[in-house]
Protein backbone atom coordinates (compact mmCIF):
# COMPACT_ATOMS: atom_id res chain seq x y z
CA UNK A 1 94.39 -36.09 42.42
CA UNK A 2 90.95 -36.19 43.97
CA UNK A 3 91.88 -33.07 46.14
CA UNK A 4 93.05 -31.31 43.03
CA UNK A 5 89.84 -32.00 41.18
CA UNK A 6 87.85 -30.78 44.08
CA UNK A 7 89.71 -27.44 43.95
CA UNK A 8 89.19 -27.14 40.28
CA UNK A 9 85.57 -28.11 40.33
CA UNK A 10 83.71 -27.61 43.64
CA UNK A 11 80.02 -28.18 43.97
CA UNK A 12 77.41 -25.59 42.98
CA UNK A 13 77.57 -22.71 40.59
CA UNK A 14 81.32 -22.98 40.21
CA UNK A 15 81.38 -26.68 39.22
CA UNK A 16 82.78 -27.80 35.92
CA UNK A 17 81.43 -30.82 34.07
CA UNK A 18 84.00 -33.17 32.60
CA UNK A 19 82.35 -35.27 29.86
CA UNK A 20 84.80 -38.05 28.59
CA UNK A 21 84.30 -39.33 25.10
CA UNK A 22 85.18 -42.78 23.62
CA UNK A 23 84.34 -44.59 20.36
CA UNK A 24 85.37 -48.22 20.72
CA UNK A 25 86.56 -50.65 23.36
CA UNK A 26 88.27 -53.62 21.61
CA UNK A 27 88.51 -57.01 23.33
CA UNK A 28 92.35 -56.99 22.83
CA UNK A 29 94.77 -54.49 21.71
CA UNK A 30 94.98 -53.84 17.95
CA UNK A 31 98.42 -53.65 16.34
CA UNK A 32 97.05 -51.36 13.63
CA UNK A 33 95.68 -48.90 16.21
CA UNK A 34 97.80 -49.43 19.34
CA UNK A 35 96.33 -46.33 20.91
CA UNK A 36 92.70 -47.62 20.58
CA UNK A 37 91.13 -48.37 24.02
CA UNK A 38 90.90 -52.10 24.70
CA UNK A 39 89.06 -54.03 27.55
CA UNK A 40 91.83 -54.08 30.13
CA UNK A 41 92.83 -50.35 29.53
CA UNK A 42 89.04 -49.28 29.75
CA UNK A 43 88.64 -51.30 32.96
CA UNK A 44 91.65 -49.61 34.49
CA UNK A 45 90.45 -46.14 33.32
CA UNK A 46 86.97 -46.65 34.78
CA UNK A 47 88.67 -47.39 38.09
CA UNK A 48 90.53 -44.14 38.02
CA UNK A 49 87.40 -42.10 37.07
CA UNK A 50 85.17 -43.72 39.68
CA UNK A 51 87.90 -43.01 42.40
CA UNK A 52 88.13 -39.32 41.30
CA UNK A 53 84.72 -38.22 40.15
CA UNK A 54 81.05 -38.10 40.76
CA UNK A 55 79.87 -39.69 37.60
CA UNK A 56 76.29 -38.72 36.55
CA UNK A 57 74.15 -39.69 33.67
CA UNK A 58 74.73 -37.03 30.91
CA UNK A 59 71.25 -35.63 30.71
CA UNK A 60 71.05 -35.10 34.42
CA UNK A 61 74.50 -33.62 34.46
CA UNK A 62 73.71 -31.03 31.79
CA UNK A 63 70.57 -29.97 33.59
CA UNK A 64 72.36 -29.62 36.90
CA UNK A 65 75.15 -27.68 35.31
CA UNK A 66 72.57 -25.18 33.98
CA UNK A 67 70.88 -24.71 37.31
CA UNK A 68 74.07 -24.68 39.44
CA UNK A 69 73.44 -27.77 41.39
CA UNK A 70 76.34 -30.12 40.21
CA UNK A 71 78.31 -31.99 42.89
CA UNK A 72 81.97 -31.46 43.17
CA UNK A 73 84.09 -33.33 40.61
CA UNK A 74 81.22 -33.97 38.31
CA UNK A 75 81.75 -36.09 35.28
CA UNK A 76 79.76 -38.09 32.55
CA UNK A 77 80.94 -40.70 30.11
CA UNK A 78 79.90 -40.96 26.51
CA UNK A 79 80.47 -43.11 23.38
CA UNK A 80 79.86 -42.11 19.76
CA UNK A 81 78.97 -43.99 16.59
CA UNK A 82 77.25 -47.20 17.79
CA UNK A 83 79.95 -49.92 17.57
CA UNK A 84 79.12 -53.57 18.57
CA UNK A 85 81.92 -53.64 21.12
CA UNK A 86 80.06 -50.90 23.08
CA UNK A 87 77.57 -53.45 23.90
CA UNK A 88 79.86 -56.62 23.97
CA UNK A 89 82.85 -55.16 25.68
CA UNK A 90 82.28 -51.82 27.21
CA UNK A 91 78.78 -52.42 28.82
CA UNK A 92 79.95 -55.37 31.09
CA UNK A 93 82.82 -53.18 32.38
CA UNK A 94 80.59 -50.18 33.04
CA UNK A 95 78.16 -52.47 35.03
CA UNK A 96 81.02 -53.95 36.92
CA UNK A 97 82.10 -50.44 38.09
CA UNK A 98 78.48 -49.24 38.47
CA UNK A 99 78.92 -46.27 36.22
CA UNK A 100 76.28 -44.74 33.77
CA UNK A 101 77.10 -43.78 30.30
CA UNK A 102 75.45 -42.26 27.20
CA UNK A 103 75.76 -43.88 23.77
CA UNK A 104 75.28 -41.77 20.70
CA UNK A 105 74.11 -44.05 17.69
CA UNK A 106 74.27 -43.30 13.96
CA UNK A 107 71.20 -45.22 13.13
CA UNK A 108 71.99 -45.80 9.44
CA UNK A 109 74.52 -48.31 10.40
CA UNK A 110 72.45 -50.51 12.75
CA UNK A 111 71.86 -54.21 11.90
CA UNK A 112 74.71 -54.93 9.59
CA UNK A 113 75.83 -51.44 8.21
CA UNK A 114 79.33 -50.05 8.29
CA UNK A 115 80.77 -46.64 8.56
CA UNK A 116 82.84 -45.34 5.64
CA UNK A 117 86.08 -45.23 7.61
CA UNK A 118 85.85 -48.80 8.59
CA UNK A 119 85.32 -49.89 4.98
CA UNK A 120 88.58 -48.02 4.31
CA UNK A 121 90.52 -49.37 7.41
CA UNK A 122 89.48 -53.01 6.82
CA UNK A 123 90.34 -52.77 3.18
CA UNK A 124 93.88 -51.69 4.11
CA UNK A 125 94.19 -54.20 7.09
CA UNK A 126 92.93 -57.33 5.19
CA UNK A 127 94.31 -56.79 1.68
CA UNK A 128 96.91 -59.42 0.71
CA UNK A 129 98.02 -57.33 -2.30
CA UNK A 130 101.62 -56.00 -2.39
CA UNK A 131 100.43 -52.41 -3.04
CA UNK A 132 97.03 -50.59 -3.09
CA UNK A 133 96.59 -48.90 -6.27
CA UNK A 134 94.11 -45.85 -5.89
CA UNK A 135 95.11 -43.97 -9.02
CA UNK A 136 91.98 -42.44 -10.72
CA UNK A 137 90.34 -41.95 -7.34
CA UNK A 138 90.29 -38.48 -5.83
CA UNK A 139 90.14 -36.82 -2.46
CA UNK A 140 88.19 -33.93 -1.26
CA UNK A 141 90.48 -31.47 -2.88
CA UNK A 142 90.41 -33.31 -6.12
CA UNK A 143 93.88 -34.71 -5.85
CA UNK A 144 94.55 -38.25 -6.93
CA UNK A 145 94.98 -40.85 -4.08
CA UNK A 146 97.88 -42.43 -5.71
CA UNK A 147 99.48 -46.00 -5.30
CA UNK A 148 100.71 -47.14 -1.92
CA UNK A 149 102.75 -50.14 -0.97
CA UNK A 150 101.24 -52.44 1.58
CA UNK A 151 104.12 -53.69 3.68
CA UNK A 152 104.05 -54.51 7.36
CA UNK A 153 101.64 -53.26 10.10
CA UNK A 154 103.55 -50.09 10.63
CA UNK A 155 103.47 -49.21 6.98
CA UNK A 156 99.74 -49.80 6.83
CA UNK A 157 99.26 -47.72 9.91
CA UNK A 158 101.16 -44.90 8.37
CA UNK A 159 99.06 -45.00 5.30
CA UNK A 160 95.66 -45.08 7.00
CA UNK A 161 95.83 -41.79 9.01
CA UNK A 162 96.50 -39.50 5.97
CA UNK A 163 94.12 -41.55 3.67
CA UNK A 164 91.24 -41.15 6.18
CA UNK A 165 91.77 -37.37 6.49
CA UNK A 166 91.92 -36.94 2.70
CA UNK A 167 88.52 -39.02 2.20
CA UNK A 168 86.76 -37.65 5.23
CA UNK A 169 85.58 -34.40 3.79
CA UNK A 170 84.11 -35.72 0.59
CA UNK A 171 80.36 -35.20 0.32
CA UNK A 172 78.55 -38.42 1.79
CA UNK A 173 77.71 -40.11 -1.57
CA UNK A 174 81.11 -39.62 -3.26
CA UNK A 175 82.73 -40.57 -0.02
CA UNK A 176 80.83 -43.85 0.23
CA UNK A 177 81.64 -44.55 -3.58
CA UNK A 178 85.26 -43.89 -2.89
CA UNK A 179 85.74 -46.20 0.00
CA UNK A 180 83.58 -48.93 -1.76
CA UNK A 181 86.03 -48.50 -4.76
CA UNK A 182 89.00 -48.70 -2.39
CA UNK A 183 87.61 -52.11 -0.94
CA UNK A 184 87.25 -53.40 -4.53
CA UNK A 185 90.79 -52.38 -5.41
CA UNK A 186 92.14 -53.99 -2.18
CA UNK A 187 90.23 -57.24 -3.17
CA UNK A 188 88.59 -57.23 0.24
CA UNK A 189 85.11 -57.88 1.51
CA UNK A 190 84.87 -55.74 4.74
CA UNK A 191 83.01 -57.31 7.77
CA UNK A 192 79.37 -56.45 8.44
CA UNK A 193 79.22 -57.01 12.23
CA UNK A 194 81.18 -53.99 13.47
CA UNK A 195 78.14 -51.98 14.32
CA UNK A 196 75.39 -52.68 16.96
CA UNK A 197 72.11 -54.33 16.18
CA UNK A 198 68.72 -52.79 17.18
CA UNK A 199 68.46 -55.42 19.94
CA UNK A 200 71.81 -54.46 21.35
CA UNK A 201 70.76 -50.77 21.48
CA UNK A 202 67.63 -51.88 23.48
CA UNK A 203 69.85 -53.95 25.69
CA UNK A 204 72.00 -50.89 26.55
CA UNK A 205 68.78 -49.00 27.61
CA UNK A 206 67.50 -51.92 29.58
CA UNK A 207 70.82 -51.93 31.44
CA UNK A 208 70.21 -48.46 32.51
CA UNK A 209 72.49 -46.59 29.93
CA UNK A 210 71.24 -43.59 27.94
CA UNK A 211 70.91 -43.55 24.18
CA UNK A 212 71.35 -40.49 22.15
CA UNK A 213 71.20 -39.46 18.48
CA UNK A 214 74.13 -39.10 16.15
CA UNK A 215 72.55 -38.54 12.69
CA UNK A 216 71.76 -41.29 10.32
CA UNK A 217 74.78 -41.46 8.14
CA UNK A 218 77.42 -39.60 10.06
CA UNK A 219 77.88 -36.74 7.76
CA UNK A 220 79.96 -33.60 8.20
CA UNK A 221 77.00 -31.31 9.00
CA UNK A 222 78.98 -28.41 7.89
CA UNK A 223 78.83 -29.76 4.22
CA UNK A 224 75.12 -30.06 4.26
CA UNK A 225 72.49 -27.39 3.84
CA UNK A 226 70.21 -26.55 6.76
CA UNK A 227 67.34 -28.81 5.53
CA UNK A 228 69.68 -31.90 4.88
CA UNK A 229 71.25 -31.38 8.38
CA UNK A 230 67.91 -31.20 10.06
CA UNK A 231 66.76 -34.42 8.21
CA UNK A 232 69.86 -36.21 9.42
CA UNK A 233 69.46 -35.08 13.02
CA UNK A 234 65.68 -35.45 13.32
CA UNK A 235 65.52 -38.84 11.46
CA UNK A 236 68.08 -40.48 13.71
CA UNK A 237 66.24 -39.29 16.79
CA UNK A 238 62.90 -40.55 15.36
CA UNK A 239 64.44 -44.01 14.54
CA UNK A 240 65.84 -44.40 18.16
CA UNK A 241 62.53 -43.16 19.73
CA UNK A 242 60.57 -45.83 17.70
CA UNK A 243 63.14 -48.45 18.62
CA UNK A 244 63.17 -47.59 22.46
CA UNK A 245 59.57 -46.38 22.83
CA UNK A 246 60.61 -43.11 24.68
CA UNK A 247 61.91 -39.79 24.13
CA UNK A 248 65.62 -39.41 23.00
CA UNK A 249 66.81 -35.99 24.26
CA UNK A 250 70.50 -35.81 23.64
CA UNK A 251 72.62 -35.42 20.40
CA UNK A 252 76.27 -35.57 19.54
CA UNK A 253 77.60 -33.77 16.40
CA UNK A 254 79.38 -36.20 14.11
CA UNK A 255 83.28 -35.64 14.48
CA UNK A 256 82.17 -32.62 16.39
CA UNK A 257 84.76 -29.82 15.93
CA UNK A 258 82.95 -26.46 16.07
CA UNK A 259 83.43 -24.43 12.92
CA UNK A 260 84.83 -27.45 10.94
CA UNK A 261 82.54 -30.21 11.40
CA UNK A 262 79.49 -28.30 12.48
CA UNK A 263 78.55 -24.61 12.39
CA UNK A 264 77.94 -23.02 15.86
CA UNK A 265 75.79 -20.38 14.29
CA UNK A 266 73.61 -22.87 12.49
CA UNK A 267 73.47 -26.39 13.92
CA UNK A 268 72.82 -25.93 17.68
CA UNK A 269 69.81 -23.94 16.71
CA UNK A 270 68.57 -26.86 14.50
CA UNK A 271 69.05 -29.19 17.40
CA UNK A 272 67.28 -26.94 19.82
CA UNK A 273 64.32 -26.50 17.37
CA UNK A 274 64.01 -30.23 17.07
CA UNK A 275 63.21 -30.38 20.70
CA UNK A 276 66.40 -31.95 22.13
CA UNK A 277 67.35 -31.24 25.66
CA UNK A 278 71.35 -30.96 25.01
CA UNK A 279 74.07 -31.71 22.58
CA UNK A 280 77.81 -32.49 22.85
CA UNK A 281 80.76 -31.58 20.66
CA UNK A 282 84.29 -32.69 20.71
CA UNK A 283 85.81 -29.30 21.66
CA UNK A 284 88.47 -29.93 24.46
CA UNK A 285 87.27 -28.28 27.74
CA UNK A 286 85.32 -28.82 30.87
CA UNK A 287 81.89 -27.24 30.77
CA UNK A 288 81.10 -24.30 32.93
CA UNK A 289 77.70 -23.11 34.07
CA UNK A 290 77.61 -20.50 31.26
CA UNK A 291 78.23 -23.27 28.56
CA UNK A 292 75.66 -23.46 25.77
CA UNK A 293 73.81 -26.73 26.63
CA UNK A 294 73.80 -27.50 22.91
CA UNK A 295 77.56 -27.41 22.61
CA UNK A 296 78.85 -29.24 25.73
CA UNK A 297 82.57 -29.99 25.12
CA UNK A 298 84.19 -33.43 25.74
CA UNK A 299 87.68 -34.68 26.33
CA UNK A 300 89.60 -37.90 27.11
CA UNK A 301 93.31 -37.94 27.98
CA UNK A 302 95.35 -40.46 25.94
CA UNK A 303 97.89 -41.26 28.71
CA UNK A 304 98.36 -44.76 29.96
CA UNK A 305 99.79 -43.97 33.26
CA UNK A 306 97.40 -42.93 36.09
CA UNK A 307 99.18 -39.74 37.25
CA UNK A 308 99.60 -38.32 33.68
CA UNK A 309 96.03 -39.20 32.78
CA UNK A 310 94.79 -37.30 35.63
CA UNK A 311 97.05 -34.30 35.23
CA UNK A 312 96.17 -33.88 31.66
CA UNK A 313 92.52 -34.06 32.58
CA UNK A 314 93.16 -31.48 35.14
CA UNK A 315 94.77 -29.25 32.54
CA UNK A 316 91.81 -29.54 30.25
CA UNK A 317 89.65 -28.16 33.15
CA UNK A 318 91.28 -24.90 32.69
CA UNK A 319 90.17 -24.67 29.03
C-alpha cells in the first residue's frame, strides 16, 4: 500500500495532499451509530495512516502544497465541531502515535453548549415514550414531521437519519426552536457536556495540536447573506484568538459541501478577506498543487479492514 501511495503522490510539484476528516471518537462503540469512530478503531486507523503517510500539520501542508514542496505520501488530520471526546479520547491516541492534527471548533457551543443535531439525537436516544409525536412541527420544506414509533435501537437509528436531514436546512433560529420542541415532546433533558470547554481547547493547543475556526453556531452558510456569513466566520476566529492568545489561520466550512452548504463563488472570498491562511471543505478528493487553498478537499474511508480502507483512500486520490 505504501508503494501505491508513493506512485500516486510523489514528492514535489506532483504531490497530492490527503486530508482526513473526523468528528468524534467515542470511548466505546455506539449501538445507535455503529459506524461512528470509537477509540479502538481510531487507534488502529492512526497506525495505518502513520505507516503509509508523511503526516504534516495542516497549515504547513497547505503552504507546502502551494509552493510544490510536499513530501511523498503527504497527509494531514482534522476534526470538526469541537466535541469533548476530541480532547478526552482522540488527543491521547494522537499523542501515542506522535501525529499532529487540526481541530475546527464551533465556538458557540463551548463550555456547556450543544449542537442542534445532538439535541435531536439524544432526544430520540433517551426518550422512554412508545412514540415520538412531532405533528405540528415542520421541516425545511414546510412538511409536517409526523408521528414515529420508538421501538428498539434499530428503529430509532432508522428514524434519526431522515429526521436529521429534514431539520438540517431550516434557518438557524427555527432549527434550534424545532429541536428544542422535539426534546420537550420526547420528555428528555439532553446532556450539556458533549462539547469541549475553553480549557480543553487550550489543552489541545498546549499539546501541539492546531485549532481552527468553524463559525459560531455551525450554520449552513449558503442560507445566510454575506454579512451574516462574515460575522459567523470572523467572530469564531476572534473568540479562538482571544482564548489562545495567537493567530488562528485555518477555517472549515460547516457541513462543507460546495454549492450546497457553502457557495464557492462567495464564501472562500470572505474567508480570504478576513485574513485566513487556508480553509477546508468536505468535497471528496486529494488536493493537487492547483487547488484553491481556501477550498481544500477532505475524505475519510469508512472501511474497517486495512486493505479496503487503503484502496478506497487510493481511489479518492484520483478525484
